[in-house]
Amino acid sequence: MEKLFLSQRDLLTLLGKLDDVRDGQPSSCTIIKSESAHPIFPQTLRRIAVVATETADRYLPGVSPRLHLARASLALLLERVARQTDETILVGEVNVAGVADARYYVDRSAEEFAPVGDMNSAFMRGRGK
């Protein structure tokens, strides 16, 4: 069973993107989660695209796996973060958990805070190829 951890910030970003689209603004509703060596919450997938959607949850496995999370699931994960529970939701073969930012980002170096998609930041921090 695969594991994916989304920080509170990830969840709020995805919900915010859905709200932007609902308001007619052009916006992308996808974040990329790459494998990390997180000391407490390591995800088991090498890389996955998490897509916010108004429709049902869906897991699309493969070389470039995608996870579609519905607004209701994003809200449920945020509620569980607020209640400080470790309950997950199961979508296909992926257990998805929401984690409070204070727990997720603790004891991590500044270099790990650079966004994955920000190439300028990646090169500035020596993480680019």
Protein backbone atom coordinates (compact mmCIF):
# COMPACT_ATOMS: atom_id res chain seq x y z
CA MET A 1 0.00 0.00 0.00
CA GLU A 2 1.44 3.37 -1.06
CA LYS A 3 1.62 6.31 1.37
CA LEU A 4 1.31 10.00 0.56
CA PHE A 5 1.54 12.81 3.09
CA LEU A 6 0.17 16.25 2.25
CA SER A 7 1.01 19.18 4.47
CA GLN A 8 -1.68 21.58 5.58
CA ARG A 9 -0.12 24.09 3.18
CA ASP A 10 -0.47 21.59 0.30
CA LEU A 11 -4.14 21.04 1.12
CA LEU A 12 -4.91 24.76 1.39
CA THR A 13 -3.09 25.43 -1.88
CA LEU A 14 -5.13 22.80 -3.72
CA LEU A 15 -8.40 24.12 -2.29
CA GLY A 16 -7.36 27.67 -3.17
CA LYS A 17 -6.67 26.64 -6.75
CA LEU A 18 -10.13 25.07 -6.99
CA ASP A 19 -11.64 28.29 -5.67
CA ASP A 20 -9.73 30.31 -8.28
CA VAL A 21 -11.06 28.12 -11.09
CA ARG A 22 -14.57 28.32 -9.65
CA ASP A 23 -14.24 32.14 -9.69
CA GLY A 24 -13.29 32.04 -13.38
CA GLN A 25 -9.59 32.76 -12.92
CA PRO A 26 -7.05 30.77 -14.93
CA SER A 27 -5.27 28.43 -12.55
CA SER A 28 -3.60 25.07 -12.41
CA CYS A 29 -4.85 22.70 -9.73
CA THR A 30 -1.90 20.31 -9.60
CA ILE A 31 1.03 19.97 -7.22
CA ILE A 32 3.89 17.53 -7.63
CA LYS A 33 5.06 15.54 -4.65
CA SER A 34 8.51 14.04 -5.12
CA GLU A 35 10.02 11.38 -2.95
CA SER A 36 11.64 12.91 0.08
CA ALA A 37 13.75 11.63 2.90
CA HIS A 38 11.38 13.12 5.46
CA PRO A 39 12.38 11.74 8.85
CA ILE A 40 8.80 11.13 10.03
CA PHE A 41 6.52 11.24 6.97
CA PRO A 42 8.32 9.63 3.99
CA GLN A 43 6.07 8.98 1.03
CA THR A 44 6.49 5.67 -0.74
CA LEU A 45 5.90 6.90 -4.30
CA ARG A 46 8.89 8.22 -6.21
CA ARG A 47 6.80 11.03 -7.68
CA ILE A 48 3.10 11.75 -8.00
CA ALA A 49 0.96 14.57 -9.36
CA VAL A 50 -1.85 15.51 -7.00
CA VAL A 51 -4.75 17.13 -8.81
CA ALA A 52 -7.56 19.06 -7.11
CA THR A 53 -10.90 18.32 -8.68
CA GLU A 54 -14.57 18.97 -8.07
CA THR A 55 -15.42 15.38 -9.07
CA ALA A 56 -14.70 12.07 -7.33
CA ASP A 57 -11.37 10.84 -6.00
CA ARG A 58 -9.36 8.71 -8.39
CA TYR A 59 -5.90 7.15 -8.51
CA LEU A 60 -4.26 6.69 -11.90
CA PRO A 61 -1.19 4.46 -11.48
CA GLY A 62 1.60 4.16 -14.00
CA VAL A 63 4.94 5.69 -14.87
CA SER A 64 3.60 9.16 -14.02
CA PRO A 65 0.96 8.42 -11.40
CA ARG A 66 -1.79 10.94 -10.72
CA LEU A 67 -4.07 11.28 -7.76
CA HIS A 68 -7.30 13.22 -8.19
CA LEU A 69 -8.58 14.49 -4.85
CA ALA A 70 -12.09 15.93 -4.68
CA ARG A 71 -12.89 19.12 -2.78
CA ALA A 72 -14.71 17.02 -0.15
CA SER A 73 -11.61 14.85 0.46
CA LEU A 74 -9.33 17.88 0.69
CA ALA A 75 -11.70 19.43 3.26
CA LEU A 76 -11.86 16.13 5.19
CA LEU A 77 -8.07 15.93 5.35
CA LEU A 78 -7.91 19.54 6.59
CA GLU A 79 -10.50 18.73 9.25
CA ARG A 80 -8.40 15.77 10.40
CA VAL A 81 -5.32 18.01 10.56
CA ALA A 82 -7.27 20.48 12.73
CA ARG A 83 -8.38 17.63 15.03
CA GLN A 84 -4.78 16.36 15.10
CA THR A 85 -5.72 12.83 14.08
CA ASP A 86 -3.57 10.54 11.97
CA GLU A 87 -6.51 9.07 10.03
CA THR A 88 -5.95 8.54 6.33
CA ILE A 89 -8.23 8.28 3.34
CA LEU A 90 -7.77 5.45 0.87
CA VAL A 91 -7.88 6.29 -2.83
CA GLY A 92 -7.17 3.27 -4.98
CA GLU A 93 -3.88 1.92 -3.66
CA VAL A 94 -2.80 5.14 -1.91
CA ASN A 95 -3.27 6.03 1.75
CA VAL A 96 -3.38 9.82 1.92
CA ALA A 97 -2.76 11.66 5.17
CA GLY A 98 -2.88 15.33 6.05
CA VAL A 99 -0.15 16.63 8.34
CA ALA A 100 -0.02 19.93 10.24
CA ASP A 101 2.68 22.24 8.90
CA ALA A 102 4.29 22.48 12.34
CA ARG A 103 4.81 18.70 12.32
CA TYR A 104 5.63 18.32 8.64
CA TYR A 105 8.27 21.05 8.34
CA VAL A 106 9.98 20.58 11.70
CA ASP A 107 13.73 19.94 11.72
CA ARG A 108 14.13 20.36 7.98
CA SER A 109 16.87 22.40 6.39
CA ALA A 110 16.14 25.61 4.47
CA GLU A 111 17.19 23.90 1.23
CA GLU A 112 14.29 21.49 1.50
CA PHE A 113 11.80 24.35 1.51
CA ALA A 114 12.59 25.29 -2.10
CA PRO A 115 9.58 24.51 -4.32
CA VAL A 116 10.17 21.54 -6.60
CA GLY A 117 8.97 23.40 -9.70
CA ASP A 118 11.03 26.53 -9.07
CA MET A 119 14.07 25.94 -11.28
CA ASN A 120 15.75 29.23 -10.37
CA SER A 121 15.54 28.34 -6.71
CA ALA A 122 16.78 24.83 -7.42
CA PHE A 123 19.90 26.12 -9.20
CA MET A 124 20.52 28.78 -6.57
CA ARG A 125 20.50 26.09 -3.89
CA GLY A 126 22.61 23.67 -5.95
CA ARG A 127 19.77 21.21 -6.49
CA GLY A 128 19.47 21.64 -10.26
CA LYS A 129 20.99 19.19 -12.72
